[in-house]
N, C-alpha and C. Protein backbone atom coordinates (compact mmCIF):
# COMPACT_ATOMS: atom_id res chain seq x y z
N UNK A 1 0.85 -1.06 0.10
CA UNK A 1 -0.04 -0.02 -0.09
C UNK A 1 0.88 1.48 -0.04
N UNK A 2 0.40 2.32 -0.73
CA UNK A 2 1.03 3.49 -0.98
C UNK A 2 1.31 4.42 0.19
N UNK A 3 2.41 4.92 0.79
CA UNK A 3 2.28 5.57 2.08
C UNK A 3 2.85 6.79 1.81
N UNK A 4 1.90 7.79 2.28
CA UNK A 4 2.08 9.79 2.14
C UNK A 4 2.52 10.09 3.66
N UNK A 5 3.65 10.54 3.88
CA UNK A 5 3.95 11.24 5.23
C UNK A 5 3.21 12.32 5.55
N UNK A 6 2.80 12.64 6.95
CA UNK A 6 2.16 13.63 7.43
C UNK A 6 2.51 14.07 8.55
N UNK A 7 2.32 15.45 8.90
CA UNK A 7 2.91 16.11 9.97
C UNK A 7 1.69 16.61 10.88
N UNK A 8 1.41 16.40 12.19
CA UNK A 8 0.40 17.20 12.85
C UNK A 8 0.58 18.52 13.12
N UNK A 9 -0.33 19.26 13.07
CA UNK A 9 -0.38 20.94 12.93
C UNK A 9 -1.48 21.17 14.05
N UNK A 10 -1.21 22.67 14.38
CA UNK A 10 -2.26 23.18 15.32
C UNK A 10 -3.04 24.01 14.57
N UNK A 11 -4.49 23.99 15.15
CA UNK A 11 -5.63 24.53 14.46
C UNK A 11 -5.25 26.26 14.42
N UNK A 12 -4.32 26.66 15.03
CA UNK A 12 -3.94 27.91 15.08
C UNK A 12 -2.77 28.27 14.00
N UNK A 13 -2.33 27.59 13.33
CA UNK A 13 -1.30 27.60 12.41
C UNK A 13 -1.87 28.28 11.43
N UNK A 14 -1.02 29.25 10.68
CA UNK A 14 -1.49 29.95 9.56
C UNK A 14 -1.51 29.10 8.14
N UNK A 15 -2.67 28.88 7.71
CA UNK A 15 -2.52 27.85 6.57
C UNK A 15 -1.95 28.35 5.32
N UNK A 16 -1.69 29.94 5.12
CA UNK A 16 -1.05 30.45 4.08
C UNK A 16 0.54 30.15 4.19
N UNK A 17 0.94 30.17 5.56
CA UNK A 17 2.46 29.99 5.76
C UNK A 17 2.49 28.24 5.33
N UNK A 18 1.61 27.53 5.61
CA UNK A 18 1.92 26.00 5.47
C UNK A 18 1.89 25.87 3.94
N UNK A 19 1.15 26.48 3.23
CA UNK A 19 1.15 26.32 1.80
C UNK A 19 2.53 27.04 1.13
N UNK A 20 2.86 28.07 1.76
CA UNK A 20 4.09 28.67 1.38
C UNK A 20 5.44 27.96 1.53
N UNK A 21 5.28 26.94 2.47
CA UNK A 21 6.27 26.01 2.58
C UNK A 21 6.05 24.71 1.92
N UNK A 22 5.10 24.69 0.97
CA UNK A 22 5.17 23.61 0.24
C UNK A 22 4.08 22.30 0.61
N UNK A 23 3.56 22.67 1.51
CA UNK A 23 2.69 21.65 2.16
C UNK A 23 1.04 21.90 1.95
N UNK A 24 0.20 21.12 2.07
CA UNK A 24 -1.24 21.36 2.04
C UNK A 24 -1.79 20.91 3.30
N UNK A 25 -2.61 22.23 3.99
CA UNK A 25 -3.45 21.89 5.23
C UNK A 25 -4.26 21.08 5.23
N UNK A 26 -4.49 20.22 5.80
CA UNK A 26 -5.32 18.72 5.86
C UNK A 26 -5.88 18.40 7.02
N UNK A 27 -6.90 17.29 7.13
CA UNK A 27 -7.39 16.78 8.37
C UNK A 27 -7.75 15.34 8.03
N UNK A 28 -7.51 14.47 9.30
CA UNK A 28 -7.73 13.32 8.85
C UNK A 28 -8.86 12.69 10.28
N UNK A 29 -9.76 12.01 9.74
CA UNK A 29 -11.01 11.51 10.71
C UNK A 29 -11.44 10.32 10.42
N UNK A 30 -12.39 9.58 11.10
CA UNK A 30 -12.85 8.44 10.76
C UNK A 30 -12.77 7.46 11.62
N UNK A 31 -12.70 5.91 11.05
CA UNK A 31 -12.50 4.92 11.95
C UNK A 31 -11.20 4.73 12.83
N UNK A 32 -11.61 4.89 14.41
CA UNK A 32 -10.67 4.95 15.39
C UNK A 32 -9.64 5.97 15.31
N UNK A 33 -10.04 7.22 14.79
CA UNK A 33 -9.11 8.28 14.76
C UNK A 33 -9.91 9.82 15.19
N UNK A 34 -9.36 10.27 16.05
CA UNK A 34 -10.03 11.66 16.40
C UNK A 34 -9.80 12.71 15.31
N UNK A 35 -10.61 13.45 15.14
CA UNK A 35 -10.43 14.55 14.03
C UNK A 35 -9.14 15.44 14.39
N UNK A 36 -8.04 15.03 13.36
CA UNK A 36 -6.83 15.56 13.63
C UNK A 36 -6.38 16.50 12.41
N UNK A 37 -6.13 17.79 12.81
CA UNK A 37 -5.15 18.62 11.75
C UNK A 37 -4.06 18.39 11.37
N UNK A 38 -3.85 18.33 10.09
CA UNK A 38 -2.36 17.70 9.76
C UNK A 38 -1.96 18.54 8.59
N UNK A 39 -0.74 18.22 8.11
CA UNK A 39 -0.31 18.89 6.38
C UNK A 39 0.51 17.69 5.88
N UNK A 40 0.39 17.93 4.62
CA UNK A 40 1.23 16.98 3.65
C UNK A 40 1.91 17.61 2.73
N UNK A 41 3.08 16.98 2.22
CA UNK A 41 3.83 17.66 1.25
C UNK A 41 3.06 17.72 -0.13
N UNK A 42 2.78 18.69 -0.61
CA UNK A 42 1.99 19.18 -1.90
C UNK A 42 2.66 18.28 -3.22
N UNK A 43 3.98 17.99 -3.23
CA UNK A 43 4.52 17.01 -4.40
C UNK A 43 4.09 15.95 -4.43
N UNK A 44 4.19 15.22 -3.06
CA UNK A 44 3.67 13.95 -2.57
C UNK A 44 2.56 13.40 -2.95
N UNK A 45 1.74 14.39 -2.34
CA UNK A 45 0.37 14.44 -2.45
C UNK A 45 -0.25 14.27 -3.81
N UNK A 46 0.42 15.15 -4.75
CA UNK A 46 -0.16 15.10 -6.21
C UNK A 46 0.32 13.91 -6.75
N UNK A 47 1.40 13.20 -6.67
CA UNK A 47 1.93 11.91 -7.26
C UNK A 47 0.95 10.86 -6.86
N UNK A 48 0.65 10.69 -5.29
CA UNK A 48 -0.12 9.59 -4.89
C UNK A 48 -1.71 9.82 -5.48
N UNK A 49 -2.14 10.90 -5.26
CA UNK A 49 -3.59 11.32 -5.80
C UNK A 49 -3.62 10.71 -7.28
N UNK A 50 -2.77 10.84 -8.21
CA UNK A 50 -2.76 10.33 -9.56
C UNK A 50 -2.88 8.71 -9.27
N UNK A 51 -2.24 7.99 -8.57
CA UNK A 51 -2.17 6.73 -8.32
C UNK A 51 -3.45 6.20 -7.61
N UNK A 52 -3.90 6.47 -6.64
CA UNK A 52 -4.93 6.08 -5.76
C UNK A 52 -6.24 6.73 -6.12
N UNK A 53 -6.33 8.12 -6.48
CA UNK A 53 -7.68 8.49 -6.66
C UNK A 53 -8.41 8.66 -5.42
N UNK A 54 -9.77 8.80 -5.30
CA UNK A 54 -10.37 8.64 -4.04
C UNK A 54 -10.98 7.35 -3.63
N UNK A 55 -10.50 6.08 -4.39
CA UNK A 55 -11.22 4.99 -4.04
C UNK A 55 -10.23 4.03 -3.59
N UNK A 56 -8.77 4.41 -3.71
CA UNK A 56 -7.89 3.11 -3.51
C UNK A 56 -7.30 3.69 -2.04
N UNK A 57 -7.09 2.65 -1.14
CA UNK A 57 -6.53 3.09 0.30
C UNK A 57 -5.16 3.01 0.22
N UNK A 58 -4.86 4.02 0.93
CA UNK A 58 -3.34 4.36 1.23
C UNK A 58 -2.86 4.66 2.75
N UNK A 59 -1.89 4.31 2.89
CA UNK A 59 -1.04 4.47 4.34
C UNK A 59 -0.89 6.02 4.85
N UNK A 60 -1.44 6.55 5.79
CA UNK A 60 -1.11 7.90 6.17
C UNK A 60 -0.03 7.87 7.59
N UNK A 61 1.22 8.29 7.13
CA UNK A 61 2.11 8.17 8.16
C UNK A 61 2.26 9.40 8.96
N UNK A 62 1.58 9.40 10.26
CA UNK A 62 1.37 11.04 10.85
C UNK A 62 2.38 10.68 11.90
N UNK A 63 3.79 11.11 11.64
CA UNK A 63 4.86 11.27 12.67
C UNK A 63 4.87 9.95 13.25
N UNK A 64 4.75 8.90 12.42
CA UNK A 64 5.21 7.47 13.08
C UNK A 64 3.96 6.72 13.27
N UNK A 65 2.72 7.35 13.31
CA UNK A 65 1.46 6.46 13.32
C UNK A 65 0.94 6.17 12.36
N UNK A 66 0.70 5.11 11.60
CA UNK A 66 0.24 4.79 10.39
C UNK A 66 -1.09 4.31 10.37
N UNK A 67 -2.02 5.12 9.67
CA UNK A 67 -3.23 4.90 9.43
C UNK A 67 -3.75 4.75 8.17
N UNK A 68 -4.57 3.58 7.81
CA UNK A 68 -5.42 3.34 6.39
C UNK A 68 -6.33 4.27 6.32
N UNK A 69 -6.38 5.18 4.88
CA UNK A 69 -7.26 6.15 4.74
C UNK A 69 -7.54 6.21 3.27
N UNK A 70 -8.61 6.87 3.04
CA UNK A 70 -8.89 7.25 1.66
C UNK A 70 -8.85 8.75 1.31
N UNK A 71 -8.54 8.96 0.31
CA UNK A 71 -8.58 10.60 -0.02
C UNK A 71 -9.92 11.03 -0.29
N UNK A 72 -10.64 11.55 0.58
CA UNK A 72 -12.16 11.62 0.81
C UNK A 72 -12.59 13.03 0.17
N UNK A 73 -12.09 14.06 0.27
CA UNK A 73 -12.39 15.36 -0.06
C UNK A 73 -11.22 16.27 -0.46
N UNK A 74 -11.27 17.05 -1.67
CA UNK A 74 -10.08 17.92 -2.07
C UNK A 74 -10.81 19.40 -2.30
N UNK A 75 -10.32 20.30 -1.61
CA UNK A 75 -10.58 21.64 -1.80
C UNK A 75 -9.74 22.42 -3.03
N UNK A 76 -10.19 22.64 -4.15
CA UNK A 76 -9.34 23.09 -5.20
C UNK A 76 -9.31 24.69 -5.27
N UNK A 77 -8.00 25.15 -5.75
CA UNK A 77 -8.24 26.73 -6.12
C UNK A 77 -8.95 26.82 -7.41
N UNK A 78 -9.94 27.52 -7.35
CA UNK A 78 -10.82 27.89 -8.31
C UNK A 78 -10.09 28.28 -9.89
N UNK A 79 -8.79 29.29 -9.72
CA UNK A 79 -8.15 29.58 -10.68
C UNK A 79 -7.17 28.65 -11.35
N UNK A 80 -6.24 28.40 -10.24
CA UNK A 80 -4.84 27.51 -10.62
C UNK A 80 -5.00 26.06 -10.56
N UNK A 81 -6.31 25.49 -9.82
CA UNK A 81 -6.62 24.27 -9.84
C UNK A 81 -5.72 23.42 -8.74
N UNK A 82 -4.69 23.72 -7.68
CA UNK A 82 -4.10 23.18 -7.09
C UNK A 82 -4.90 22.99 -5.73
N UNK A 83 -4.49 21.91 -5.12
CA UNK A 83 -5.12 21.44 -3.46
C UNK A 83 -5.06 22.70 -2.49
N UNK A 84 -6.10 23.12 -2.27
CA UNK A 84 -6.03 24.01 -1.02
C UNK A 84 -5.99 23.40 0.46
N UNK A 85 -6.85 22.24 0.53
CA UNK A 85 -7.02 21.61 1.63
C UNK A 85 -7.66 20.03 1.22
N UNK A 86 -7.17 19.05 2.03
CA UNK A 86 -7.59 17.85 1.81
C UNK A 86 -8.22 17.24 3.05
N UNK A 87 -9.38 16.57 2.85
CA UNK A 87 -9.86 15.72 3.86
C UNK A 87 -9.50 14.08 3.71
N UNK A 88 -8.74 13.65 4.75
CA UNK A 88 -8.35 12.08 4.51
C UNK A 88 -9.42 11.45 5.41
N UNK A 89 -9.91 10.12 5.00
CA UNK A 89 -11.19 9.44 5.76
C UNK A 89 -10.53 8.06 6.52
N UNK A 90 -10.11 7.77 7.50
CA UNK A 90 -9.59 6.77 8.20
C UNK A 90 -10.71 5.48 7.98
N UNK A 91 -10.15 4.40 7.62
CA UNK A 91 -11.28 3.35 7.20
C UNK A 91 -10.59 2.01 8.06
N UNK A 92 -11.67 1.08 8.38
CA UNK A 92 -11.51 0.10 8.91
C UNK A 92 -11.25 -1.13 7.91
N UNK A 93 -9.74 -1.45 7.72
CA UNK A 93 -9.42 -2.46 6.74
C UNK A 93 -10.53 -3.72 6.46
N UNK A 94 -10.95 -3.92 7.76
CA UNK A 94 -12.06 -5.58 7.74
C UNK A 94 -13.40 -5.09 7.55
N UNK A 95 -13.76 -3.67 7.38
CA UNK A 95 -15.18 -3.65 7.03
C UNK A 95 -15.27 -2.99 5.61
N UNK A 96 -16.34 -3.41 4.78
CA UNK A 96 -16.56 -2.95 3.53
C UNK A 96 -17.27 -1.52 3.49
N UNK A 97 -17.02 -0.73 2.54
CA UNK A 97 -17.17 0.59 2.27
C UNK A 97 -17.98 0.53 1.09
N UNK A 98 -18.65 1.89 0.66
CA UNK A 98 -19.21 2.08 -0.53
C UNK A 98 -18.50 3.26 -1.11
N UNK A 99 -18.17 3.17 -2.48
CA UNK A 99 -17.55 4.15 -3.27
C UNK A 99 -17.74 4.39 -4.54
N UNK A 100 -17.88 5.71 -5.09
CA UNK A 100 -18.15 5.74 -6.57
C UNK A 100 -17.12 5.60 -7.51
N UNK A 101 -16.84 4.47 -8.05
CA UNK A 101 -15.47 4.27 -8.74
C UNK A 101 -15.73 4.88 -10.33
N UNK A 102 -14.80 5.70 -10.79
CA UNK A 102 -14.54 6.03 -12.26
C UNK A 102 -14.78 5.00 -13.34
N UNK A 103 -15.46 5.30 -14.38
CA UNK A 103 -15.53 4.38 -15.27
C UNK A 103 -14.25 4.86 -16.47
N UNK A 104 -13.99 3.90 -17.13
CA UNK A 104 -12.87 4.01 -18.32
C UNK A 104 -13.58 3.40 -19.30
N UNK A 105 -13.92 4.14 -20.32
CA UNK A 105 -14.37 3.57 -21.56
C UNK A 105 -13.39 3.05 -22.66
N UNK A 106 -13.38 1.83 -22.95
CA UNK A 106 -12.45 1.08 -23.84
C UNK A 106 -12.94 0.55 -24.94
N UNK A 107 -12.29 0.04 -25.98
CA UNK A 107 -12.55 -0.69 -26.99
C UNK A 107 -12.98 0.16 -28.24
N UNK A 108 -13.57 -0.44 -29.37
CA UNK A 108 -14.01 0.44 -30.47
C UNK A 108 -15.43 -0.35 -30.79
N UNK A 109 -16.32 0.68 -30.96
CA UNK A 109 -17.60 0.25 -31.27
C UNK A 109 -17.88 0.44 -32.96
N UNK A 110 -18.45 -0.74 -33.41
CA UNK A 110 -18.69 -0.87 -34.86
C UNK A 110 -19.54 0.26 -35.06
N UNK A 111 -20.52 0.36 -34.33
CA UNK A 111 -21.79 1.44 -34.82
C UNK A 111 -21.15 2.75 -34.94
N UNK A 112 -20.01 3.04 -34.05
CA UNK A 112 -19.42 4.67 -34.20
C UNK A 112 -18.54 4.41 -35.41
N UNK A 113 -17.68 3.21 -35.73
CA UNK A 113 -16.92 3.34 -36.62
C UNK A 113 -17.39 3.29 -38.23
N UNK A 114 -18.76 2.89 -38.27
CA UNK A 114 -19.40 2.79 -39.53
C UNK A 114 -20.05 4.12 -39.55
N UNK A 115 -20.01 4.97 -38.55
CA UNK A 115 -20.90 6.17 -38.86
C UNK A 115 -22.41 6.23 -38.48
N UNK A 116 -22.64 4.85 -37.98
CA UNK A 116 -24.14 4.87 -37.59
C UNK A 116 -24.86 5.68 -36.56
N UNK A 117 -23.74 6.10 -35.57
CA UNK A 117 -24.16 6.76 -34.56
C UNK A 117 -23.04 7.26 -33.51
N UNK A 118 -23.22 7.79 -32.50
CA UNK A 118 -22.17 8.46 -31.71
C UNK A 118 -22.39 7.96 -30.07
N UNK A 119 -21.53 7.88 -29.42
CA UNK A 119 -21.44 7.23 -28.04
C UNK A 119 -22.23 8.35 -27.11
N UNK A 120 -22.91 7.85 -26.34
CA UNK A 120 -23.53 8.46 -25.27
C UNK A 120 -23.21 8.09 -23.95
N UNK A 121 -22.49 8.75 -23.00
CA UNK A 121 -21.77 8.20 -21.78
C UNK A 121 -23.00 8.58 -21.01
N UNK A 122 -23.67 7.64 -20.39
CA UNK A 122 -24.93 8.20 -19.42
C UNK A 122 -24.40 8.20 -17.92
N UNK A 123 -23.41 7.38 -17.83
CA UNK A 123 -22.84 7.11 -16.32
C UNK A 123 -21.13 7.49 -16.55
N UNK A 124 -20.77 8.02 -15.59
CA UNK A 124 -19.31 8.13 -15.65
C UNK A 124 -18.66 7.53 -14.41
N UNK A 125 -19.43 6.96 -13.46
CA UNK A 125 -18.88 6.28 -12.30
C UNK A 125 -20.07 5.27 -11.92
N UNK A 126 -19.47 4.31 -11.20
CA UNK A 126 -20.28 3.24 -10.37
C UNK A 126 -20.29 3.13 -9.08
N UNK A 127 -21.35 2.92 -8.14
CA UNK A 127 -21.27 2.72 -6.82
C UNK A 127 -20.98 1.33 -6.66
N UNK A 128 -19.85 0.86 -5.95
CA UNK A 128 -19.54 -0.50 -5.47
C UNK A 128 -19.29 -0.44 -4.21
N UNK A 129 -19.33 -1.91 -3.56
CA UNK A 129 -18.96 -2.08 -2.19
C UNK A 129 -17.90 -3.05 -2.24
N UNK A 130 -17.10 -2.72 -1.18
CA UNK A 130 -15.85 -3.84 -1.23
C UNK A 130 -15.11 -3.29 0.06
N UNK A 131 -13.99 -4.40 0.40
CA UNK A 131 -13.52 -3.84 1.30
C UNK A 131 -12.21 -2.94 0.99
N UNK A 132 -11.68 -2.12 1.79
CA UNK A 132 -10.83 -1.09 1.20
C UNK A 132 -9.63 -1.53 0.53
N UNK A 133 -9.01 -2.46 0.87
CA UNK A 133 -8.02 -3.05 0.05
C UNK A 133 -8.41 -3.81 -1.35
N UNK A 134 -9.73 -4.02 -1.37
CA UNK A 134 -10.04 -4.44 -2.67
C UNK A 134 -10.95 -3.51 -3.61
N UNK A 135 -10.96 -2.22 -3.36
CA UNK A 135 -11.64 -1.12 -3.92
C UNK A 135 -10.73 -0.73 -5.00
N UNK A 136 -11.29 -0.79 -6.33
CA UNK A 136 -10.53 -0.74 -7.66
C UNK A 136 -10.44 0.83 -7.83
N UNK A 137 -9.29 1.20 -8.41
CA UNK A 137 -9.03 2.66 -8.81
C UNK A 137 -10.10 3.03 -9.92
N UNK A 138 -10.36 2.25 -10.77
CA UNK A 138 -11.29 2.47 -11.82
C UNK A 138 -11.98 1.22 -12.62
N UNK A 139 -13.00 1.19 -13.16
CA UNK A 139 -13.57 0.31 -13.77
C UNK A 139 -13.70 0.35 -15.49
N UNK A 140 -13.73 -0.68 -16.16
CA UNK A 140 -13.72 -0.51 -17.59
C UNK A 140 -15.08 -0.94 -18.06
N UNK A 141 -15.51 -0.01 -19.10
CA UNK A 141 -16.87 -0.30 -19.75
C UNK A 141 -16.34 -0.55 -21.42
N UNK A 142 -16.53 -1.88 -21.80
CA UNK A 142 -15.85 -2.09 -23.08
C UNK A 142 -17.07 -1.91 -24.19
N UNK A 143 -17.08 -0.67 -25.07
CA UNK A 143 -17.77 -0.33 -25.78
C UNK A 143 -17.95 -0.94 -27.17
N UNK A 144 -17.19 -1.99 -27.12
CA UNK A 144 -16.95 -2.82 -28.35
C UNK A 144 -18.40 -3.63 -28.44
N UNK A 145 -19.06 -3.77 -27.61
CA UNK A 145 -20.31 -4.46 -27.42
C UNK A 145 -21.52 -3.74 -28.12
N UNK A 146 -21.41 -2.24 -28.47
CA UNK A 146 -22.25 -1.54 -28.89
C UNK A 146 -22.23 -1.72 -30.68
N UNK A 147 -23.03 -2.45 -31.22
CA UNK A 147 -22.99 -2.64 -32.63
C UNK A 147 -24.21 -1.99 -33.28
N UNK A 148 -25.31 -1.86 -32.74
CA UNK A 148 -26.39 -1.21 -33.28
C UNK A 148 -27.05 -0.18 -32.46
N UNK A 149 -27.87 0.56 -32.96
CA UNK A 149 -28.60 1.45 -32.22
C UNK A 149 -29.21 0.84 -31.21
N UNK A 150 -29.76 -0.33 -30.99
CA UNK A 150 -30.39 -0.91 -30.16
C UNK A 150 -29.64 -1.33 -29.06
N UNK A 151 -28.36 -1.23 -29.27
CA UNK A 151 -27.30 -1.80 -28.12
C UNK A 151 -27.26 -0.96 -26.95
N UNK A 152 -27.05 -1.54 -25.70
CA UNK A 152 -26.83 -0.55 -24.41
C UNK A 152 -25.65 -1.30 -23.76
N UNK A 153 -25.10 -0.60 -22.93
CA UNK A 153 -24.24 -1.34 -21.96
C UNK A 153 -24.84 -0.86 -20.49
N UNK A 154 -25.15 -1.95 -19.70
CA UNK A 154 -25.74 -1.79 -18.39
C UNK A 154 -24.84 -1.93 -17.43
N UNK A 155 -25.21 -1.44 -16.09
CA UNK A 155 -24.15 -1.60 -14.95
C UNK A 155 -23.63 -3.17 -14.77
N UNK A 156 -24.85 -4.04 -14.88
CA UNK A 156 -24.57 -5.51 -14.91
C UNK A 156 -23.46 -5.88 -15.65
N UNK A 157 -23.23 -5.23 -17.01
CA UNK A 157 -22.29 -5.67 -18.02
C UNK A 157 -20.89 -5.37 -17.61
N UNK A 158 -20.64 -4.50 -16.61
CA UNK A 158 -19.33 -3.95 -16.12
C UNK A 158 -18.71 -5.13 -15.19
N UNK A 159 -17.55 -5.48 -15.82
CA UNK A 159 -16.86 -6.80 -15.17
C UNK A 159 -16.24 -6.29 -13.89
N UNK A 160 -16.42 -6.76 -12.77
CA UNK A 160 -16.14 -6.17 -11.45
C UNK A 160 -14.98 -7.14 -10.83
N UNK A 161 -14.00 -6.50 -10.20
CA UNK A 161 -12.81 -7.36 -9.69
C UNK A 161 -13.54 -8.35 -8.67
N UNK A 162 -12.73 -9.13 -8.23
CA UNK A 162 -12.97 -10.22 -7.10
C UNK A 162 -13.07 -9.44 -5.84
N UNK A 163 -14.14 -9.46 -5.23
CA UNK A 163 -14.44 -9.02 -3.83
C UNK A 163 -15.32 -7.82 -3.97
N UNK A 164 -15.67 -7.27 -5.24
CA UNK A 164 -16.40 -5.99 -5.63
C UNK A 164 -17.81 -6.25 -5.80
N UNK A 165 -18.71 -5.81 -5.09
CA UNK A 165 -20.10 -5.99 -5.63
C UNK A 165 -20.77 -4.66 -6.15
N UNK A 166 -21.55 -4.72 -7.04
CA UNK A 166 -22.29 -3.36 -7.39
C UNK A 166 -23.35 -3.00 -6.31
N UNK A 167 -23.29 -1.59 -6.03
CA UNK A 167 -24.29 -1.24 -5.11
C UNK A 167 -25.37 -0.46 -5.58
N UNK A 168 -25.45 -0.30 -6.81
CA UNK A 168 -26.45 0.43 -7.76
C UNK A 168 -27.42 -0.58 -8.17
N UNK A 169 -28.13 0.11 -9.08
CA UNK A 169 -29.15 -0.58 -9.89
C UNK A 169 -28.44 -1.47 -11.04
N UNK A 170 -28.52 -2.47 -11.29
CA UNK A 170 -27.80 -3.65 -12.19
C UNK A 170 -28.36 -3.11 -13.62
N UNK A 171 -29.80 -2.90 -13.91
CA UNK A 171 -30.37 -2.58 -15.10
C UNK A 171 -30.11 -1.17 -15.58
N UNK A 172 -29.28 -0.19 -14.79
CA UNK A 172 -29.19 1.27 -15.38
C UNK A 172 -28.03 1.40 -16.32
N UNK A 173 -28.57 2.12 -17.17
CA UNK A 173 -27.92 2.25 -18.46
C UNK A 173 -26.52 3.15 -18.36
N UNK A 174 -25.36 2.58 -18.83
CA UNK A 174 -24.16 3.19 -18.45
C UNK A 174 -23.74 3.85 -20.16
N UNK A 175 -23.99 3.28 -21.01
CA UNK A 175 -23.70 3.91 -22.35
C UNK A 175 -24.61 3.33 -23.50
N UNK A 176 -24.68 4.14 -24.45
CA UNK A 176 -25.68 3.91 -25.62
C UNK A 176 -25.24 4.53 -26.87
N UNK A 177 -25.68 4.00 -28.11
CA UNK A 177 -25.49 4.66 -29.29
C UNK A 177 -26.60 5.70 -29.67
N UNK A 178 -26.51 6.75 -29.94
CA UNK A 178 -27.52 7.61 -30.56
C UNK A 178 -27.13 7.85 -32.11
N UNK A 179 -28.48 7.99 -32.77
CA UNK A 179 -28.20 8.26 -34.23
C UNK A 179 -27.76 9.58 -34.61
N UNK A 180 -26.87 9.60 -35.67
CA UNK A 180 -26.43 10.77 -36.26
C UNK A 180 -27.50 11.56 -37.08
N UNK A 181 -27.70 12.58 -36.71
CA UNK A 181 -28.91 13.42 -37.65
C UNK A 181 -28.23 14.54 -38.46
N UNK A 182 -28.10 14.35 -39.78
CA UNK A 182 -27.48 15.26 -40.51
C UNK A 182 -28.55 16.48 -40.61
N UNK A 183 -27.72 17.72 -40.36
CA UNK A 183 -28.48 19.14 -40.50
C UNK A 183 -28.70 19.45 -41.70
N UNK A 184 -30.08 19.71 -42.27
CA UNK A 184 -30.16 20.21 -43.35
C UNK A 184 -29.78 21.49 -43.77
N UNK A 185 -29.38 21.85 -44.93
CA UNK A 185 -28.81 23.22 -45.35
C UNK A 185 -29.84 24.17 -45.09
N UNK A 186 -29.85 25.13 -44.53
CA UNK A 186 -31.00 26.19 -44.58
C UNK A 186 -31.23 26.93 -45.95
N UNK A 187 -32.39 26.95 -46.59
CA UNK A 187 -32.67 27.46 -47.62
C UNK A 187 -32.32 29.07 -47.58
N UNK A 188 -31.89 29.71 -48.66
CA UNK A 188 -31.50 31.08 -48.69
C UNK A 188 -32.66 32.01 -48.57
N UNK A 189 -32.64 32.90 -47.56
CA UNK A 189 -33.63 33.77 -47.25
C UNK A 189 -34.03 34.53 -48.44
N UNK A 190 -35.64 34.80 -48.38
CA UNK A 190 -36.10 35.49 -49.74
C UNK A 190 -35.75 36.94 -49.27
N UNK A 191 -35.26 37.69 -50.21
CA UNK A 191 -34.86 39.14 -50.23
C UNK A 191 -35.97 39.93 -50.33
N UNK A 192 -36.76 40.16 -49.57
CA UNK A 192 -37.92 40.95 -49.61
C UNK A 192 -37.69 42.66 -49.96
N UNK A 193 -36.59 43.04 -49.74
CA UNK A 193 -36.16 44.47 -50.10
C UNK A 193 -35.95 44.54 -51.71
N UNK A 194 -35.38 43.42 -52.22
CA UNK A 194 -35.06 43.62 -53.68
C UNK A 194 -36.66 43.29 -54.24
N UNK A 195 -37.63 42.55 -53.90
CA UNK A 195 -38.90 42.44 -54.39
C UNK A 195 -39.59 43.85 -54.17
N UNK A 196 -39.44 44.62 -53.05
CA UNK A 196 -40.00 45.77 -53.02
C UNK A 196 -39.55 46.69 -53.87
N UNK A 197 -38.35 46.84 -54.15
CA UNK A 197 -37.75 47.71 -54.96
C UNK A 197 -38.26 47.39 -56.34
N UNK A 198 -38.29 46.19 -56.62
CA UNK A 198 -38.64 45.79 -58.17
C UNK A 198 -40.20 46.41 -58.38
N UNK A 199 -41.05 46.07 -57.30
CA UNK A 199 -42.42 46.56 -57.63
C UNK A 199 -42.44 48.28 -57.52
N UNK A 200 -41.60 48.76 -56.65
CA UNK A 200 -41.76 50.11 -56.83
C UNK A 200 -41.14 50.61 -58.02
N UNK A 201 -40.15 50.03 -58.91
CA UNK A 201 -39.90 50.46 -59.82
C UNK A 201 -40.85 50.44 -61.20
N UNK A 202 -41.62 49.13 -60.83
CA UNK A 202 -42.66 49.07 -62.15
C UNK A 202 -43.72 50.15 -61.71
N UNK A 203 -44.09 50.39 -60.49
CA UNK A 203 -45.06 51.52 -60.40
C UNK A 203 -44.59 52.72 -61.07
N UNK A 204 -43.47 53.19 -60.75
CA UNK A 204 -42.95 54.34 -61.23
C UNK A 204 -43.00 54.39 -62.67
N UNK A 205 -42.79 53.29 -63.46
CA UNK A 205 -42.77 53.36 -64.86
C UNK A 205 -44.09 53.37 -65.38
N UNK A 206 -45.13 52.55 -64.76
CA UNK A 206 -46.70 52.87 -64.89
C UNK A 206 -47.24 54.17 -64.88
N UNK A 207 -46.72 55.06 -63.79
CA UNK A 207 -47.11 56.37 -63.47
C UNK A 207 -46.48 57.24 -64.67
N UNK A 208 -45.44 56.97 -65.07
CA UNK A 208 -44.57 57.69 -66.11
C UNK A 208 -45.32 57.40 -67.43
N UNK A 209 -45.73 56.23 -67.60
CA UNK A 209 -46.44 55.84 -68.87
C UNK A 209 -47.82 56.75 -69.13
N UNK A 210 -48.66 56.59 -67.94
CA UNK A 210 -49.65 57.33 -67.85
C UNK A 210 -49.93 59.11 -67.91
N UNK A 211 -48.64 59.45 -67.46
CA UNK A 211 -48.65 60.96 -67.54
C UNK A 211 -48.14 61.46 -68.99
N UNK A 212 -47.68 60.41 -69.67
CA UNK A 212 -47.09 60.91 -71.08
C UNK A 212 -47.84 61.14 -71.90
C-alpha cells in the first residue's frame, strides 16, 4: 500500500504559511481516529493522488503512526487548480465501504466506426461495495459491445474485480449509441427588399407612362 507522510499541526497555524512551505493543510478523521489537523507535502500528495484517486486506500504516516485512509475530499483553487485543503477518511480495513468508482471507456464500437451513431456516456462512475484493500481505482466499460442503435451497456455488464459488488441498480444504462442526424442546409432567405424595390420600379414606370 502506498504511504504518504504527514505532520500534525495546530488549528491556530496559518494555512497560508503552510502552503508557502510546500505543504497542504489537511485533516484526518474516521474509524478509530479523532479529528486531527495535519499537513502533507504538496508534491508527494499530487503523485499519490494520480495513483490512488479517491477509491484506493493508502497509508497515512502521521509522525510515525500509520493509518489506512481514503482521499475523501479535496478543495481546489478555482483559478489555478491546485489543492488548498484535503480531507482524509480513516477506514477499517476489515469492514466493507461504498465508493463511486470512475468508469474508463475502452474498445472500438462498430456502430461508431461505421458512422451509424455517436457514443452517449450516461454514467461516468459506478457505486460499488468492497473492502478498502479491494476497492478498484477505476472500472472498464467495453464499448465494442455496441454494434447497433439498439445496443446498450448496463451496469450489470461491467466486469467487477473479485471482492467487489455492485451497489447500484444493475439495469441502469451506462452507455448507448444515438443516431447521427444530418443537419439540412438552410434555404437562402427571400430578399424582400429586392422585391419591394422591383415593385416600386414598376409602379414608377406605370405612372410615367400614364402621364406622358
